[in-house]
């Protein structure tokens, strides 16, 4: 049991390192001068829709769930949250949140890292990584 806890801790640490280094989305600052402060990132480049701004990934995540087909004056809740359930709540779950989404993404990344040989061939020769993969495969019957 103690070995399993240590293994899970090591796997979690590796997963967080890979997630933060290789899959960090990059946002670009607008090139032209906007009336907004320069620290705010441009979200929408579509000329038909007024420009939207965000200064964090969470705001971008929340913006993706706005249902623009509904007027905010008619039903504000459906306007703000209308697309979230359609896009994010699987049929087998009753509810989800942003942190569950991140956890699921990190778990998928971890599985993809441990299921196949590492892209960097040097890592395939490091005994600790070889042991980690073989232990993972033995625990998952693969």
N, C-alpha and C. Protein backbone atom coordinates (compact mmCIF):
# COMPACT_ATOMS: atom_id res chain seq x y z
N UNK A 1 0.82 -1.19 0.00
CA UNK A 1 0.00 0.00 0.00
C UNK A 1 0.87 1.26 0.00
N UNK A 2 1.93 1.21 0.80
CA UNK A 2 2.83 2.36 0.88
C UNK A 2 3.51 2.58 -0.47
N UNK A 3 3.88 1.48 -1.14
CA UNK A 3 4.52 1.58 -2.45
C UNK A 3 3.56 2.21 -3.46
N UNK A 4 2.30 1.83 -3.39
CA UNK A 4 1.30 2.38 -4.30
C UNK A 4 1.14 3.88 -4.08
N UNK A 5 1.12 4.32 -2.83
CA UNK A 5 1.01 5.75 -2.54
C UNK A 5 2.22 6.51 -3.06
N UNK A 6 3.40 5.93 -2.89
CA UNK A 6 4.61 6.58 -3.40
C UNK A 6 4.56 6.65 -4.92
N UNK A 7 4.12 5.57 -5.56
CA UNK A 7 4.00 5.56 -7.01
C UNK A 7 3.02 6.62 -7.49
N UNK A 8 1.88 6.72 -6.85
CA UNK A 8 0.89 7.73 -7.25
C UNK A 8 1.44 9.14 -7.07
N UNK A 9 2.19 9.36 -6.02
CA UNK A 9 2.80 10.67 -5.80
C UNK A 9 3.81 10.99 -6.89
N UNK A 10 4.64 10.03 -7.24
CA UNK A 10 5.64 10.24 -8.30
C UNK A 10 4.95 10.49 -9.63
N UNK A 11 3.93 9.71 -9.93
CA UNK A 11 3.20 9.88 -11.19
C UNK A 11 2.54 11.25 -11.23
N UNK A 12 1.94 11.67 -10.13
CA UNK A 12 1.30 12.98 -10.09
C UNK A 12 2.30 14.10 -10.31
N UNK A 13 3.47 13.98 -9.69
CA UNK A 13 4.50 15.01 -9.88
C UNK A 13 4.96 15.08 -11.33
N UNK A 14 5.19 13.93 -11.92
CA UNK A 14 5.62 13.90 -13.33
C UNK A 14 4.53 14.47 -14.22
N UNK A 15 3.30 14.11 -13.93
CA UNK A 15 2.17 14.59 -14.71
C UNK A 15 2.07 16.12 -14.63
N UNK A 16 2.23 16.69 -13.47
CA UNK A 16 2.16 18.14 -13.32
C UNK A 16 3.31 18.83 -14.03
N UNK A 17 4.49 18.23 -13.99
CA UNK A 17 5.64 18.82 -14.68
C UNK A 17 5.40 18.85 -16.18
N UNK A 18 4.97 17.71 -16.74
CA UNK A 18 4.72 17.65 -18.18
C UNK A 18 3.58 18.57 -18.57
N UNK A 19 2.54 18.63 -17.77
CA UNK A 19 1.39 19.47 -18.09
C UNK A 19 1.76 20.94 -18.10
N UNK A 20 2.56 21.36 -17.15
CA UNK A 20 2.90 22.78 -17.08
C UNK A 20 3.92 23.19 -18.12
N UNK A 21 4.78 22.28 -18.53
CA UNK A 21 5.84 22.63 -19.47
C UNK A 21 5.39 22.51 -20.91
N UNK A 22 4.76 21.39 -21.27
CA UNK A 22 4.54 21.12 -22.69
C UNK A 22 3.17 21.52 -23.21
N UNK A 23 2.20 21.72 -22.34
CA UNK A 23 0.86 21.99 -22.84
C UNK A 23 0.29 23.29 -22.30
N UNK A 24 1.14 24.25 -22.03
CA UNK A 24 0.66 25.53 -21.54
C UNK A 24 0.20 26.36 -22.73
N UNK A 25 -1.09 26.72 -22.77
CA UNK A 25 -1.54 27.54 -23.89
C UNK A 25 -0.91 28.93 -23.81
N UNK A 26 -0.57 29.44 -24.94
CA UNK A 26 0.05 30.76 -25.00
C UNK A 26 -0.95 31.74 -25.61
N UNK A 27 -1.13 32.86 -24.94
CA UNK A 27 -2.00 33.91 -25.45
C UNK A 27 -1.13 35.06 -25.93
N UNK A 28 -1.55 35.70 -26.99
CA UNK A 28 -0.76 36.78 -27.55
C UNK A 28 -1.44 38.12 -27.27
N UNK A 29 -0.62 39.11 -27.03
CA UNK A 29 -1.14 40.45 -26.83
C UNK A 29 -1.57 41.01 -28.18
N UNK A 30 -2.56 41.89 -28.18
CA UNK A 30 -2.95 42.49 -29.46
C UNK A 30 -1.81 43.33 -30.03
N UNK A 31 -1.69 43.33 -31.35
CA UNK A 31 -0.60 44.05 -32.00
C UNK A 31 -0.90 45.55 -32.09
N UNK A 32 -2.14 45.91 -32.34
CA UNK A 32 -2.46 47.32 -32.47
C UNK A 32 -2.80 47.91 -31.10
N UNK A 33 -2.75 49.21 -30.99
CA UNK A 33 -3.08 49.87 -29.74
C UNK A 33 -4.58 49.86 -29.55
N UNK A 34 -5.02 49.31 -28.46
CA UNK A 34 -6.44 49.30 -28.12
C UNK A 34 -6.68 50.32 -27.01
N UNK A 35 -7.92 50.75 -26.86
CA UNK A 35 -8.19 51.66 -25.76
C UNK A 35 -8.05 50.99 -24.40
N UNK A 36 -7.98 49.66 -24.39
CA UNK A 36 -7.84 48.91 -23.15
C UNK A 36 -6.38 48.94 -22.69
N UNK A 37 -6.10 48.67 -21.42
CA UNK A 37 -4.72 48.59 -20.95
C UNK A 37 -3.95 47.50 -21.69
N UNK A 38 -2.64 47.65 -21.79
CA UNK A 38 -1.84 46.70 -22.57
C UNK A 38 -1.73 45.34 -21.91
N UNK A 39 -2.06 45.21 -20.63
CA UNK A 39 -1.95 43.91 -19.97
C UNK A 39 -3.15 43.02 -20.24
N UNK A 40 -4.14 43.53 -20.94
CA UNK A 40 -5.34 42.75 -21.22
C UNK A 40 -5.18 42.08 -22.57
N UNK A 41 -5.58 40.82 -22.65
CA UNK A 41 -5.40 40.03 -23.86
C UNK A 41 -6.65 40.06 -24.72
N UNK A 42 -6.46 40.09 -26.01
CA UNK A 42 -7.59 40.11 -26.91
C UNK A 42 -8.12 38.69 -27.09
N UNK A 43 -9.42 38.54 -26.95
CA UNK A 43 -10.03 37.22 -27.03
C UNK A 43 -10.65 36.94 -28.39
N UNK A 44 -11.23 37.92 -29.02
CA UNK A 44 -12.04 37.67 -30.19
C UNK A 44 -11.60 38.60 -31.32
N UNK A 45 -11.23 38.03 -32.46
CA UNK A 45 -10.79 38.84 -33.59
C UNK A 45 -11.86 38.98 -34.66
N UNK A 46 -13.04 38.42 -34.45
CA UNK A 46 -14.12 38.49 -35.42
C UNK A 46 -14.64 39.93 -35.47
N UNK A 47 -14.66 40.53 -36.67
CA UNK A 47 -15.05 41.93 -36.77
C UNK A 47 -16.54 42.13 -36.55
N UNK A 48 -17.37 41.09 -36.68
CA UNK A 48 -18.81 41.22 -36.48
C UNK A 48 -19.18 41.29 -35.01
N UNK A 49 -18.31 40.82 -34.17
CA UNK A 49 -18.60 40.78 -32.74
C UNK A 49 -17.68 41.78 -32.05
N UNK A 50 -18.20 42.57 -31.12
CA UNK A 50 -17.30 43.51 -30.43
C UNK A 50 -16.15 42.79 -29.76
N UNK A 51 -14.98 43.41 -29.68
CA UNK A 51 -13.83 42.72 -29.08
C UNK A 51 -14.07 42.40 -27.62
N UNK A 52 -13.68 41.22 -27.24
CA UNK A 52 -13.79 40.78 -25.86
C UNK A 52 -12.39 40.65 -25.30
N UNK A 53 -12.23 40.91 -24.03
CA UNK A 53 -10.91 40.88 -23.42
C UNK A 53 -10.90 39.98 -22.20
N UNK A 54 -9.74 39.39 -21.97
CA UNK A 54 -9.59 38.55 -20.78
C UNK A 54 -8.17 38.69 -20.27
N UNK A 55 -8.01 38.61 -18.98
CA UNK A 55 -6.65 38.66 -18.43
C UNK A 55 -6.29 37.38 -17.71
N UNK A 56 -7.08 36.33 -17.92
CA UNK A 56 -6.74 35.04 -17.32
C UNK A 56 -7.34 33.92 -18.15
N UNK A 57 -6.79 32.73 -17.98
CA UNK A 57 -7.32 31.56 -18.67
C UNK A 57 -8.73 31.24 -18.21
N UNK A 58 -9.04 31.50 -16.94
CA UNK A 58 -10.37 31.21 -16.42
C UNK A 58 -11.41 32.07 -17.14
N UNK A 59 -11.09 33.32 -17.41
CA UNK A 59 -12.03 34.17 -18.14
C UNK A 59 -12.24 33.66 -19.56
N UNK A 60 -11.19 33.18 -20.18
CA UNK A 60 -11.33 32.60 -21.51
C UNK A 60 -12.21 31.36 -21.44
N UNK A 61 -11.97 30.53 -20.45
CA UNK A 61 -12.77 29.31 -20.26
C UNK A 61 -14.24 29.67 -20.06
N UNK A 62 -14.53 30.67 -19.25
CA UNK A 62 -15.91 31.08 -19.00
C UNK A 62 -16.54 31.68 -20.24
N UNK A 63 -15.77 32.46 -21.00
CA UNK A 63 -16.30 33.08 -22.21
C UNK A 63 -16.75 32.04 -23.24
N UNK A 64 -16.09 30.91 -23.27
CA UNK A 64 -16.43 29.87 -24.24
C UNK A 64 -17.81 29.28 -24.00
N UNK A 65 -18.39 29.53 -22.84
CA UNK A 65 -19.68 28.93 -22.50
C UNK A 65 -20.84 29.89 -22.64
N UNK A 66 -20.58 31.09 -23.12
CA UNK A 66 -21.66 32.04 -23.36
C UNK A 66 -22.43 31.60 -24.59
N UNK A 67 -23.75 31.62 -24.48
CA UNK A 67 -24.61 31.29 -25.60
C UNK A 67 -25.05 32.61 -26.23
N UNK A 68 -24.42 33.00 -27.33
CA UNK A 68 -24.70 34.29 -27.94
C UNK A 68 -25.99 34.29 -28.74
N UNK A 69 -26.67 33.15 -28.85
CA UNK A 69 -27.96 33.09 -29.53
C UNK A 69 -29.10 33.56 -28.64
N UNK A 70 -28.83 33.74 -27.36
CA UNK A 70 -29.85 34.16 -26.40
C UNK A 70 -29.53 35.57 -25.95
N UNK A 71 -30.55 36.39 -25.86
CA UNK A 71 -30.36 37.77 -25.40
C UNK A 71 -30.15 37.79 -23.89
N UNK A 72 -29.15 38.51 -23.41
CA UNK A 72 -28.95 38.58 -21.96
C UNK A 72 -30.11 39.28 -21.25
N UNK A 73 -30.85 40.11 -21.97
CA UNK A 73 -32.00 40.79 -21.36
C UNK A 73 -33.18 39.84 -21.18
N UNK A 74 -33.27 38.81 -22.02
CA UNK A 74 -34.36 37.86 -21.93
C UNK A 74 -34.11 36.82 -20.85
N UNK A 75 -32.96 36.16 -20.92
CA UNK A 75 -32.64 35.12 -19.93
C UNK A 75 -31.13 35.16 -19.69
N UNK A 76 -30.73 35.89 -18.68
CA UNK A 76 -29.31 36.11 -18.42
C UNK A 76 -28.59 34.80 -18.09
N UNK A 77 -29.21 33.93 -17.30
CA UNK A 77 -28.57 32.66 -16.92
C UNK A 77 -28.27 31.82 -18.16
N UNK A 78 -29.24 31.68 -19.06
CA UNK A 78 -29.00 30.88 -20.27
C UNK A 78 -27.98 31.55 -21.18
N UNK A 79 -27.94 32.88 -21.15
CA UNK A 79 -26.93 33.59 -21.94
C UNK A 79 -25.53 33.28 -21.42
N UNK A 80 -25.34 33.34 -20.12
CA UNK A 80 -24.02 33.16 -19.52
C UNK A 80 -23.61 31.69 -19.50
N UNK A 81 -24.51 30.79 -19.18
CA UNK A 81 -24.16 29.38 -18.96
C UNK A 81 -24.77 28.43 -19.98
N UNK A 82 -25.46 28.94 -20.97
CA UNK A 82 -26.22 28.09 -21.88
C UNK A 82 -25.42 27.05 -22.64
N UNK A 83 -24.21 27.36 -23.03
CA UNK A 83 -23.42 26.41 -23.82
C UNK A 83 -22.61 25.45 -22.96
N UNK A 84 -22.50 25.72 -21.68
CA UNK A 84 -21.63 24.89 -20.83
C UNK A 84 -22.11 23.45 -20.76
N UNK A 85 -23.39 23.26 -20.45
CA UNK A 85 -23.91 21.90 -20.30
C UNK A 85 -23.81 21.13 -21.62
N UNK A 86 -24.07 21.80 -22.72
CA UNK A 86 -24.02 21.13 -24.02
C UNK A 86 -22.60 20.68 -24.37
N UNK A 87 -21.61 21.48 -24.02
CA UNK A 87 -20.23 21.19 -24.41
C UNK A 87 -19.47 20.34 -23.40
N UNK A 88 -19.82 20.41 -22.12
CA UNK A 88 -18.91 19.88 -21.12
C UNK A 88 -19.44 18.79 -20.20
N UNK A 89 -20.72 18.64 -20.04
CA UNK A 89 -21.20 17.65 -19.09
C UNK A 89 -21.52 16.36 -19.84
N UNK A 90 -20.69 15.33 -19.65
CA UNK A 90 -20.96 14.05 -20.30
C UNK A 90 -22.24 13.42 -19.74
N UNK A 91 -22.80 12.51 -20.49
CA UNK A 91 -24.06 11.88 -20.06
C UNK A 91 -23.90 11.07 -18.78
N UNK A 92 -22.69 10.57 -18.50
CA UNK A 92 -22.49 9.74 -17.32
C UNK A 92 -22.20 10.55 -16.06
N UNK A 93 -22.16 11.88 -16.15
CA UNK A 93 -21.91 12.72 -14.98
C UNK A 93 -23.08 13.68 -14.75
N UNK A 94 -23.29 13.99 -13.48
CA UNK A 94 -24.35 14.94 -13.16
C UNK A 94 -23.86 16.38 -13.23
N UNK A 95 -22.60 16.58 -12.88
CA UNK A 95 -22.05 17.93 -12.91
C UNK A 95 -20.53 17.86 -13.08
N UNK A 96 -19.96 18.95 -13.53
CA UNK A 96 -18.52 19.09 -13.66
C UNK A 96 -18.14 20.52 -13.32
N UNK A 97 -16.86 20.76 -13.13
CA UNK A 97 -16.38 22.12 -12.94
C UNK A 97 -15.02 22.25 -13.62
N UNK A 98 -14.47 23.44 -13.60
CA UNK A 98 -13.22 23.70 -14.31
C UNK A 98 -12.08 22.84 -13.77
N UNK A 99 -12.06 22.60 -12.46
CA UNK A 99 -10.98 21.82 -11.88
C UNK A 99 -11.10 20.34 -12.25
N UNK A 100 -12.32 19.83 -12.38
CA UNK A 100 -12.49 18.46 -12.88
C UNK A 100 -12.02 18.36 -14.32
N UNK A 101 -12.33 19.38 -15.12
CA UNK A 101 -11.86 19.40 -16.51
C UNK A 101 -10.34 19.34 -16.57
N UNK A 102 -9.69 20.14 -15.74
CA UNK A 102 -8.22 20.13 -15.70
C UNK A 102 -7.69 18.79 -15.23
N UNK A 103 -8.33 18.22 -14.22
CA UNK A 103 -7.91 16.92 -13.71
C UNK A 103 -8.05 15.84 -14.78
N UNK A 104 -9.17 15.85 -15.50
CA UNK A 104 -9.37 14.88 -16.58
C UNK A 104 -8.32 15.05 -17.68
N UNK A 105 -8.01 16.29 -18.01
CA UNK A 105 -7.00 16.55 -19.05
C UNK A 105 -5.63 16.05 -18.62
N UNK A 106 -5.27 16.30 -17.38
CA UNK A 106 -3.97 15.85 -16.87
C UNK A 106 -3.93 14.32 -16.82
N UNK A 107 -5.02 13.68 -16.44
CA UNK A 107 -5.08 12.22 -16.42
C UNK A 107 -4.90 11.65 -17.82
N UNK A 108 -5.57 12.25 -18.82
CA UNK A 108 -5.41 11.80 -20.21
C UNK A 108 -3.96 11.96 -20.66
N UNK A 109 -3.35 13.08 -20.29
CA UNK A 109 -1.95 13.31 -20.67
C UNK A 109 -1.04 12.27 -20.02
N UNK A 110 -1.31 11.97 -18.77
CA UNK A 110 -0.51 10.98 -18.06
C UNK A 110 -0.63 9.61 -18.71
N UNK A 111 -1.86 9.21 -19.04
CA UNK A 111 -2.05 7.93 -19.72
C UNK A 111 -1.31 7.90 -21.05
N UNK A 112 -1.40 8.99 -21.81
CA UNK A 112 -0.71 9.00 -23.11
C UNK A 112 0.81 8.96 -22.94
N UNK A 113 1.32 9.55 -21.87
CA UNK A 113 2.77 9.50 -21.63
C UNK A 113 3.24 8.11 -21.23
N UNK A 114 2.46 7.43 -20.43
CA UNK A 114 2.91 6.15 -19.89
C UNK A 114 2.53 4.95 -20.74
N UNK A 115 1.60 5.12 -21.67
CA UNK A 115 1.17 4.00 -22.51
C UNK A 115 2.15 3.65 -23.62
N UNK A 116 2.93 4.60 -24.06
CA UNK A 116 3.83 4.36 -25.20
C UNK A 116 5.23 4.86 -24.86
N UNK A 117 6.22 4.47 -25.65
CA UNK A 117 7.59 4.93 -25.37
C UNK A 117 7.66 6.46 -25.43
N UNK A 118 8.57 7.01 -24.65
CA UNK A 118 8.74 8.46 -24.62
C UNK A 118 9.27 8.95 -25.95
N UNK A 119 8.88 10.16 -26.34
CA UNK A 119 9.36 10.74 -27.59
C UNK A 119 10.87 11.01 -27.54
N UNK A 120 11.33 11.44 -26.40
CA UNK A 120 12.75 11.66 -26.21
C UNK A 120 13.39 10.30 -25.92
N UNK A 121 14.17 9.79 -26.84
CA UNK A 121 14.72 8.42 -26.71
C UNK A 121 15.62 8.27 -25.50
N UNK A 122 16.24 9.35 -25.06
CA UNK A 122 17.10 9.26 -23.88
C UNK A 122 16.30 8.85 -22.65
N UNK A 123 15.05 9.29 -22.57
CA UNK A 123 14.22 8.94 -21.42
C UNK A 123 13.89 7.45 -21.40
N UNK A 124 13.84 6.82 -22.57
CA UNK A 124 13.56 5.39 -22.64
C UNK A 124 14.71 4.57 -22.07
N UNK A 125 15.88 5.18 -21.94
CA UNK A 125 17.04 4.48 -21.40
C UNK A 125 17.25 4.76 -19.91
N UNK A 126 16.57 5.74 -19.36
CA UNK A 126 16.70 6.07 -17.94
C UNK A 126 15.90 5.05 -17.14
N UNK A 127 16.57 4.38 -16.23
CA UNK A 127 15.96 3.26 -15.51
C UNK A 127 14.71 3.68 -14.72
N UNK A 128 14.71 4.86 -14.13
CA UNK A 128 13.54 5.27 -13.35
C UNK A 128 12.30 5.42 -14.23
N UNK A 129 12.47 5.94 -15.45
CA UNK A 129 11.34 6.06 -16.36
C UNK A 129 10.89 4.69 -16.87
N UNK A 130 11.84 3.81 -17.13
CA UNK A 130 11.50 2.45 -17.55
C UNK A 130 10.72 1.75 -16.44
N UNK A 131 11.19 1.90 -15.20
CA UNK A 131 10.48 1.30 -14.06
C UNK A 131 9.08 1.89 -13.89
N UNK A 132 8.97 3.19 -14.08
CA UNK A 132 7.68 3.85 -13.95
C UNK A 132 6.69 3.32 -14.98
N UNK A 133 7.13 3.18 -16.22
CA UNK A 133 6.24 2.66 -17.26
C UNK A 133 5.88 1.21 -16.99
N UNK A 134 6.82 0.39 -16.60
CA UNK A 134 6.50 -1.02 -16.36
C UNK A 134 5.57 -1.17 -15.17
N UNK A 135 5.76 -0.38 -14.14
CA UNK A 135 4.87 -0.42 -12.98
C UNK A 135 3.47 0.04 -13.38
N UNK A 136 3.38 1.09 -14.17
CA UNK A 136 2.08 1.57 -14.66
C UNK A 136 1.38 0.49 -15.47
N UNK A 137 2.12 -0.15 -16.38
CA UNK A 137 1.51 -1.19 -17.22
C UNK A 137 1.07 -2.39 -16.40
N UNK A 138 1.82 -2.73 -15.36
CA UNK A 138 1.42 -3.86 -14.52
C UNK A 138 0.17 -3.53 -13.70
N UNK A 139 0.03 -2.27 -13.30
CA UNK A 139 -1.16 -1.87 -12.53
C UNK A 139 -2.40 -1.74 -13.41
N UNK A 140 -2.21 -1.46 -14.67
CA UNK A 140 -3.36 -1.26 -15.56
C UNK A 140 -3.59 -2.47 -16.47
N UNK A 141 -2.86 -3.55 -16.26
CA UNK A 141 -3.01 -4.79 -17.05
C UNK A 141 -2.83 -4.53 -18.54
N UNK A 142 -1.79 -3.80 -18.90
CA UNK A 142 -1.54 -3.52 -20.32
C UNK A 142 -0.26 -4.17 -20.76
